[in-house]
């Protein structure tokens, strides 16, 4: 897992891991890791999340607005 930069210091995201067809996100409030995949959330959402994670800003807001419940169960 890589540490999420959180450029604005306002995110609940702590860490992330990027794979070919998924992104895993760990939040600050708990240690649970959520996996979002092409199959669960769709290609475009995953690619957008990967970009935001690497940039270090906007990932938490994106998750809340677009894919909050679309993680792999």
PDB file of N, CA and C in Angstrom:
ATOM      1  N   UNK A   1       0.853  -1.182   0.000  1.00  0.00           N
ATOM      2  CA  UNK A   1       0.000   0.000   0.000  1.00  0.00           C
ATOM      3  C   UNK A   1       0.894   1.239   0.000  1.00  0.00           C
ATOM      4  N   UNK A   2       0.432   2.258  -0.678  1.00  0.00           N
ATOM      5  CA  UNK A   2       1.134   3.538  -0.705  1.00  0.00           C
ATOM      6  C   UNK A   2       0.353   4.556   0.109  1.00  0.00           C
ATOM      7  N   UNK A   3       1.078   5.427   0.770  1.00  0.00           N
ATOM      8  CA  UNK A   3       0.446   6.477   1.551  1.00  0.00           C
ATOM      9  C   UNK A   3      -0.207   7.486   0.608  1.00  0.00           C
ATOM     10  N   UNK A   4      -1.447   7.860   0.897  1.00  0.00           N
ATOM     11  CA  UNK A   4      -2.169   8.857   0.109  1.00  0.00           C
ATOM     12  C   UNK A   4      -1.707  10.242   0.545  1.00  0.00           C
ATOM     13  N   UNK A   5      -1.261  11.066  -0.391  1.00  0.00           N
ATOM     14  CA  UNK A   5      -0.684  12.369  -0.057  1.00  0.00           C
ATOM     15  C   UNK A   5      -1.659  13.316   0.627  1.00  0.00           C
ATOM     16  N   UNK A   6      -2.905  13.349   0.197  1.00  0.00           N
ATOM     17  CA  UNK A   6      -3.918  14.243   0.765  1.00  0.00           C
ATOM     18  C   UNK A   6      -3.410  15.683   0.785  1.00  0.00           C
ATOM     19  N   UNK A   7      -3.229  16.250  -0.379  1.00  0.00           N
ATOM     20  CA  UNK A   7      -2.648  17.581  -0.527  1.00  0.00           C
ATOM     21  C   UNK A   7      -3.368  18.657   0.268  1.00  0.00           C
ATOM     22  N   UNK A   8      -4.684  18.532   0.413  1.00  0.00           N
ATOM     23  CA  UNK A   8      -5.456  19.542   1.145  1.00  0.00           C
ATOM     24  C   UNK A   8      -5.676  19.181   2.611  1.00  0.00           C
ATOM     25  N   UNK A   9      -5.189  18.032   3.018  1.00  0.00           N
ATOM     26  CA  UNK A   9      -5.329  17.563   4.407  1.00  0.00           C
ATOM     27  C   UNK A   9      -6.783  17.513   4.857  1.00  0.00           C
ATOM     28  N   UNK A  10      -7.658  17.061   3.953  1.00  0.00           N
ATOM     29  CA  UNK A  10      -9.080  16.995   4.287  1.00  0.00           C
ATOM     30  C   UNK A  10      -9.718  15.658   3.915  1.00  0.00           C
ATOM     31  N   UNK A  11      -8.899  14.649   3.652  1.00  0.00           N
ATOM     32  CA  UNK A  11      -9.403  13.375   3.168  1.00  0.00           C
ATOM     33  C   UNK A  11      -9.471  12.328   4.268  1.00  0.00           C
ATOM     34  N   UNK A  12     -10.377  11.384   4.095  1.00  0.00           N
ATOM     35  CA  UNK A  12     -10.466  10.228   4.989  1.00  0.00           C
ATOM     36  C   UNK A  12      -9.628   9.066   4.469  1.00  0.00           C
ATOM     37  N   UNK A  13      -9.042   9.205   3.275  1.00  0.00           N
ATOM     38  CA  UNK A  13      -8.217   8.153   2.689  1.00  0.00           C
ATOM     39  C   UNK A  13      -6.828   8.180   3.314  1.00  0.00           C
ATOM     40  N   UNK A  14      -6.351   7.011   3.727  1.00  0.00           N
ATOM     41  CA  UNK A  14      -5.019   6.897   4.318  1.00  0.00           C
ATOM     42  C   UNK A  14      -4.012   6.297   3.344  1.00  0.00           C
ATOM     43  N   UNK A  15      -4.386   5.192   2.702  1.00  0.00           N
ATOM     44  CA  UNK A  15      -3.476   4.456   1.828  1.00  0.00           C
ATOM     45  C   UNK A  15      -4.237   3.904   0.635  1.00  0.00           C
ATOM     46  N   UNK A  16      -3.481   3.533  -0.399  1.00  0.00           N
ATOM     47  CA  UNK A  16      -4.092   2.925  -1.579  1.00  0.00           C
ATOM     48  C   UNK A  16      -3.107   1.978  -2.240  1.00  0.00           C
ATOM     49  N   UNK A  17      -3.647   1.073  -3.042  1.00  0.00           N
ATOM     50  CA  UNK A  17      -2.843   0.150  -3.844  1.00  0.00           C
ATOM     51  C   UNK A  17      -3.494   0.047  -5.210  1.00  0.00           C
ATOM     52  N   UNK A  18      -2.697   0.196  -6.244  1.00  0.00           N
ATOM     53  CA  UNK A  18      -3.199   0.151  -7.613  1.00  0.00           C
ATOM     54  C   UNK A  18      -2.764  -1.146  -8.278  1.00  0.00           C
ATOM     55  N   UNK A  19      -3.739  -1.828  -8.882  1.00  0.00           N
ATOM     56  CA  UNK A  19      -3.477  -3.015  -9.682  1.00  0.00           C
ATOM     57  C   UNK A  19      -3.940  -2.768 -11.104  1.00  0.00           C
ATOM     58  N   UNK A  20      -3.768  -3.756 -11.961  1.00  0.00           N
ATOM     59  CA  UNK A  20      -4.162  -3.586 -13.359  1.00  0.00           C
ATOM     60  C   UNK A  20      -5.642  -3.274 -13.519  1.00  0.00           C
ATOM     61  N   UNK A  21      -6.499  -3.990 -12.784  1.00  0.00           N
ATOM     62  CA  UNK A  21      -7.941  -3.837 -12.946  1.00  0.00           C
ATOM     63  C   UNK A  21      -8.641  -3.471 -11.647  1.00  0.00           C
ATOM     64  N   UNK A  22      -7.902  -2.904 -10.692  1.00  0.00           N
ATOM     65  CA  UNK A  22      -8.509  -2.566  -9.407  1.00  0.00           C
ATOM     66  C   UNK A  22      -7.734  -1.463  -8.702  1.00  0.00           C
ATOM     67  N   UNK A  23      -8.354  -0.931  -7.664  1.00  0.00           N
ATOM     68  CA  UNK A  23      -7.679  -0.063  -6.712  1.00  0.00           C
ATOM     69  C   UNK A  23      -8.194  -0.458  -5.335  1.00  0.00           C
ATOM     70  N   UNK A  24      -7.294  -0.562  -4.388  1.00  0.00           N
ATOM     71  CA  UNK A  24      -7.661  -0.827  -3.000  1.00  0.00           C
ATOM     72  C   UNK A  24      -7.449   0.456  -2.215  1.00  0.00           C
ATOM     73  N   UNK A  25      -8.395   0.753  -1.336  1.00  0.00           N
ATOM     74  CA  UNK A  25      -8.353   1.990  -0.567  1.00  0.00           C
ATOM     75  C   UNK A  25      -8.545   1.673   0.909  1.00  0.00           C
ATOM     76  N   UNK A  26      -7.670   2.233   1.727  1.00  0.00           N
ATOM     77  CA  UNK A  26      -7.797   2.108   3.177  1.00  0.00           C
ATOM     78  C   UNK A  26      -8.096   3.492   3.735  1.00  0.00           C
ATOM     79  N   UNK A  27      -9.092   3.558   4.601  1.00  0.00           N
ATOM     80  CA  UNK A  27      -9.504   4.829   5.181  1.00  0.00           C
ATOM     81  C   UNK A  27      -8.893   5.022   6.563  1.00  0.00           C
ATOM     82  N   UNK A  28      -8.806   6.265   7.001  1.00  0.00           N
ATOM     83  CA  UNK A  28      -8.167   6.601   8.272  1.00  0.00           C
ATOM     84  C   UNK A  28      -8.953   6.099   9.475  1.00  0.00           C
ATOM     85  N   UNK A  29     -10.268   6.081   9.392  1.00  0.00           N
ATOM     86  CA  UNK A  29     -11.100   5.757  10.552  1.00  0.00           C
ATOM     87  C   UNK A  29     -11.084   4.288  10.936  1.00  0.00           C
ATOM     88  N   UNK A  30     -10.753   3.420  10.001  1.00  0.00           N
ATOM     89  CA  UNK A  30     -10.641   1.998  10.321  1.00  0.00           C
ATOM     90  C   UNK A  30      -9.562   1.385   9.454  1.00  0.00           C
ATOM     91  N   UNK A  31      -9.208   0.181   9.754  1.00  0.00           N
ATOM     92  CA  UNK A  31      -8.125  -0.456   9.003  1.00  0.00           C
ATOM     93  C   UNK A  31      -8.649  -1.315   7.855  1.00  0.00           C
ATOM     94  N   UNK A  32      -9.956  -1.318   7.646  1.00  0.00           N
ATOM     95  CA  UNK A  32     -10.526  -2.125   6.580  1.00  0.00           C
ATOM     96  C   UNK A  32     -10.091  -1.594   5.222  1.00  0.00           C
ATOM     97  N   UNK A  33      -9.796  -2.524   4.333  1.00  0.00           N
ATOM     98  CA  UNK A  33      -9.381  -2.177   2.978  1.00  0.00           C
ATOM     99  C   UNK A  33     -10.520  -2.511   2.019  1.00  0.00           C
ATOM    100  N   UNK A  34     -10.905  -1.532   1.216  1.00  0.00           N
ATOM    101  CA  UNK A  34     -11.975  -1.701   0.237  1.00  0.00           C
ATOM    102  C   UNK A  34     -11.352  -1.833  -1.145  1.00  0.00           C
ATOM    103  N   UNK A  35     -11.764  -2.865  -1.871  1.00  0.00           N
ATOM    104  CA  UNK A  35     -11.290  -3.086  -3.229  1.00  0.00           C
ATOM    105  C   UNK A  35     -12.382  -2.681  -4.206  1.00  0.00           C
ATOM    106  N   UNK A  36     -12.021  -1.813  -5.130  1.00  0.00           N
ATOM    107  CA  UNK A  36     -12.907  -1.400  -6.211  1.00  0.00           C
ATOM    108  C   UNK A  36     -12.295  -1.940  -7.497  1.00  0.00           C
ATOM    109  N   UNK A  37     -13.087  -2.646  -8.296  1.00  0.00           N
ATOM    110  CA  UNK A  37     -12.549  -3.287  -9.495  1.00  0.00           C
ATOM    111  C   UNK A  37     -13.333  -2.874 -10.734  1.00  0.00           C
ATOM    112  N   UNK A  38     -12.766  -3.214 -11.895  1.00  0.00           N
ATOM    113  CA  UNK A  38     -13.487  -2.988 -13.139  1.00  0.00           C
ATOM    114  C   UNK A  38     -14.861  -3.657 -13.064  1.00  0.00           C
ATOM    115  N   UNK A  39     -14.901  -4.879 -12.527  1.00  0.00           N
ATOM    116  CA  UNK A  39     -16.150  -5.638 -12.470  1.00  0.00           C
ATOM    117  C   UNK A  39     -17.167  -5.007 -11.527  1.00  0.00           C
ATOM    118  N   UNK A  40     -16.710  -4.440 -10.429  1.00  0.00           N
ATOM    119  CA  UNK A  40     -17.650  -3.903  -9.435  1.00  0.00           C
ATOM    120  C   UNK A  40     -18.047  -2.452  -9.698  1.00  0.00           C
ATOM    121  N   UNK A  41     -17.124  -1.653 -10.190  1.00  0.00           N
ATOM    122  CA  UNK A  41     -17.378  -0.211 -10.323  1.00  0.00           C
ATOM    123  C   UNK A  41     -17.274   0.310 -11.754  1.00  0.00           C
ATOM    124  N   UNK A  42     -16.720  -0.483 -12.641  1.00  0.00           N
ATOM    125  CA  UNK A  42     -16.587  -0.057 -14.032  1.00  0.00           C
ATOM    126  C   UNK A  42     -15.211   0.512 -14.346  1.00  0.00           C
ATOM    127  N   UNK A  43     -14.803   0.308 -15.578  1.00  0.00           N
ATOM    128  CA  UNK A  43     -13.477   0.707 -16.041  1.00  0.00           C
ATOM    129  C   UNK A  43     -13.182   2.183 -15.789  1.00  0.00           C
ATOM    130  N   UNK A  44     -14.081   3.070 -16.218  1.00  0.00           N
ATOM    131  CA  UNK A  44     -13.796   4.503 -16.143  1.00  0.00           C
ATOM    132  C   UNK A  44     -13.669   4.989 -14.709  1.00  0.00           C
ATOM    133  N   UNK A  45     -14.518   4.506 -13.824  1.00  0.00           N
ATOM    134  CA  UNK A  45     -14.410   4.900 -12.418  1.00  0.00           C
ATOM    135  C   UNK A  45     -13.069   4.467 -11.825  1.00  0.00           C
ATOM    136  N   UNK A  46     -12.649   3.254 -12.130  1.00  0.00           N
ATOM    137  CA  UNK A  46     -11.382   2.757 -11.574  1.00  0.00           C
ATOM    138  C   UNK A  46     -10.215   3.575 -12.113  1.00  0.00           C
ATOM    139  N   UNK A  47     -10.214   3.860 -13.389  1.00  0.00           N
ATOM    140  CA  UNK A  47      -9.128   4.652 -13.965  1.00  0.00           C
ATOM    141  C   UNK A  47      -9.113   6.070 -13.390  1.00  0.00           C
ATOM    142  N   UNK A  48     -10.284   6.658 -13.184  1.00  0.00           N
ATOM    143  CA  UNK A  48     -10.351   7.980 -12.549  1.00  0.00           C
ATOM    144  C   UNK A  48      -9.800   7.927 -11.129  1.00  0.00           C
ATOM    145  N   UNK A  49     -10.164   6.897 -10.387  1.00  0.00           N
ATOM    146  CA  UNK A  49      -9.693   6.749  -9.008  1.00  0.00           C
ATOM    147  C   UNK A  49      -8.178   6.559  -8.954  1.00  0.00           C
ATOM    148  N   UNK A  50      -7.632   5.810  -9.898  1.00  0.00           N
ATOM    149  CA  UNK A  50      -6.174   5.623  -9.958  1.00  0.00           C
ATOM    150  C   UNK A  50      -5.470   6.967 -10.144  1.00  0.00           C
ATOM    151  N   UNK A  51      -5.983   7.782 -11.048  1.00  0.00           N
ATOM    152  CA  UNK A  51      -5.377   9.095 -11.295  1.00  0.00           C
ATOM    153  C   UNK A  51      -5.450   9.980 -10.060  1.00  0.00           C
ATOM    154  N   UNK A  52      -6.598  10.010  -9.410  1.00  0.00           N
ATOM    155  CA  UNK A  52      -6.763  10.832  -8.210  1.00  0.00           C
ATOM    156  C   UNK A  52      -5.861  10.347  -7.082  1.00  0.00           C
ATOM    157  N   UNK A  53      -5.728   9.040  -6.943  1.00  0.00           N
ATOM    158  CA  UNK A  53      -4.860   8.481  -5.902  1.00  0.00           C
ATOM    159  C   UNK A  53      -3.416   8.904  -6.129  1.00  0.00           C
ATOM    160  N   UNK A  54      -2.952   8.809  -7.363  1.00  0.00           N
ATOM    161  CA  UNK A  54      -1.574   9.174  -7.663  1.00  0.00           C
ATOM    162  C   UNK A  54      -1.345  10.672  -7.536  1.00  0.00           C
ATOM    163  N   UNK A  55      -2.359  11.459  -7.836  1.00  0.00           N
ATOM    164  CA  UNK A  55      -2.257  12.912  -7.699  1.00  0.00           C
ATOM    165  C   UNK A  55      -2.262  13.328  -6.235  1.00  0.00           C
ATOM    166  N   UNK A  56      -3.017  12.608  -5.416  1.00  0.00           N
ATOM    167  CA  UNK A  56      -3.048  12.896  -3.985  1.00  0.00           C
ATOM    168  C   UNK A  56      -4.138  13.844  -3.549  1.00  0.00           C
ATOM    169  N   UNK A  57      -5.170  13.987  -4.370  1.00  0.00           N
ATOM    170  CA  UNK A  57      -6.269  14.878  -3.996  1.00  0.00           C
ATOM    171  C   UNK A  57      -7.539  14.464  -4.722  1.00  0.00           C
ATOM    172  N   UNK A  58      -8.675  14.523  -4.031  1.00  0.00           N
ATOM    173  CA  UNK A  58      -9.969  14.296  -4.648  1.00  0.00           C
ATOM    174  C   UNK A  58     -10.503  12.880  -4.596  1.00  0.00           C
ATOM    175  N   UNK A  59      -9.717  11.929  -4.113  1.00  0.00           N
ATOM    176  CA  UNK A  59     -10.153  10.530  -4.132  1.00  0.00           C
ATOM    177  C   UNK A  59     -11.337  10.288  -3.200  1.00  0.00           C
ATOM    178  N   UNK A  60     -11.281  10.789  -1.991  1.00  0.00           N
ATOM    179  CA  UNK A  60     -12.368  10.578  -1.032  1.00  0.00           C
ATOM    180  C   UNK A  60     -13.685  11.150  -1.558  1.00  0.00           C
ATOM    181  N   UNK A  61     -13.649  12.351  -2.095  1.00  0.00           N
ATOM    182  CA  UNK A  61     -14.860  12.975  -2.642  1.00  0.00           C
ATOM    183  C   UNK A  61     -15.393  12.171  -3.823  1.00  0.00           C
ATOM    184  N   UNK A  62     -14.504  11.684  -4.672  1.00  0.00           N
ATOM    185  CA  UNK A  62     -14.919  10.889  -5.828  1.00  0.00           C
ATOM    186  C   UNK A  62     -15.614   9.613  -5.374  1.00  0.00           C
ATOM    187  N   UNK A  63     -15.012   8.933  -4.402  1.00  0.00           N
ATOM    188  CA  UNK A  63     -15.613   7.705  -3.880  1.00  0.00           C
ATOM    189  C   UNK A  63     -17.005   7.992  -3.334  1.00  0.00           C
ATOM    190  N   UNK A  64     -17.130   9.008  -2.499  1.00  0.00           N
ATOM    191  CA  UNK A  64     -18.423   9.333  -1.896  1.00  0.00           C
ATOM    192  C   UNK A  64     -19.481   9.698  -2.931  1.00  0.00           C
ATOM    193  N   UNK A  65     -19.075  10.336  -3.993  1.00  0.00           N
ATOM    194  CA  UNK A  65     -20.035  10.807  -4.994  1.00  0.00           C
ATOM    195  C   UNK A  65     -20.384   9.760  -6.046  1.00  0.00           C
ATOM    196  N   UNK A  66     -19.427   8.889  -6.393  1.00  0.00           N
ATOM    197  CA  UNK A  66     -19.628   7.995  -7.538  1.00  0.00           C
ATOM    198  C   UNK A  66     -19.656   6.500  -7.229  1.00  0.00           C
ATOM    199  N   UNK A  67     -18.852   6.029  -6.287  1.00  0.00           N
ATOM    200  CA  UNK A  67     -18.668   4.573  -6.164  1.00  0.00           C
ATOM    201  C   UNK A  67     -18.739   4.039  -4.735  1.00  0.00           C
ATOM    202  N   UNK A  68     -19.275   4.793  -3.832  1.00  0.00           N
ATOM    203  CA  UNK A  68     -19.221   4.449  -2.409  1.00  0.00           C
ATOM    204  C   UNK A  68     -19.601   2.989  -2.120  1.00  0.00           C
ATOM    205  N   UNK A  69     -20.672   2.516  -2.692  1.00  0.00           N
ATOM    206  CA  UNK A  69     -21.148   1.151  -2.424  1.00  0.00           C
ATOM    207  C   UNK A  69     -20.721   0.135  -3.493  1.00  0.00           C
ATOM    208  N   UNK A  70     -19.863   0.537  -4.416  1.00  0.00           N
ATOM    209  CA  UNK A  70     -19.495  -0.342  -5.533  1.00  0.00           C
ATOM    210  C   UNK A  70     -18.202  -1.110  -5.302  1.00  0.00           C
ATOM    211  N   UNK A  71     -17.837  -1.321  -4.058  1.00  0.00           N
ATOM    212  CA  UNK A  71     -16.632  -2.095  -3.758  1.00  0.00           C
ATOM    213  C   UNK A  71     -16.922  -3.586  -3.883  1.00  0.00           C
ATOM    214  N   UNK A  72     -15.868  -4.377  -4.016  1.00  0.00           N
ATOM    215  CA  UNK A  72     -15.984  -5.833  -4.129  1.00  0.00           C
ATOM    216  C   UNK A  72     -16.414  -6.388  -2.782  1.00  0.00           C
ATOM    217  N   UNK A  73     -17.411  -7.229  -2.786  1.00  0.00           N
ATOM    218  CA  UNK A  73     -17.910  -7.827  -1.533  1.00  0.00           C
ATOM    219  C   UNK A  73     -17.558  -9.287  -1.450  1.00  0.00           C
TER     220      UNK A  73
END
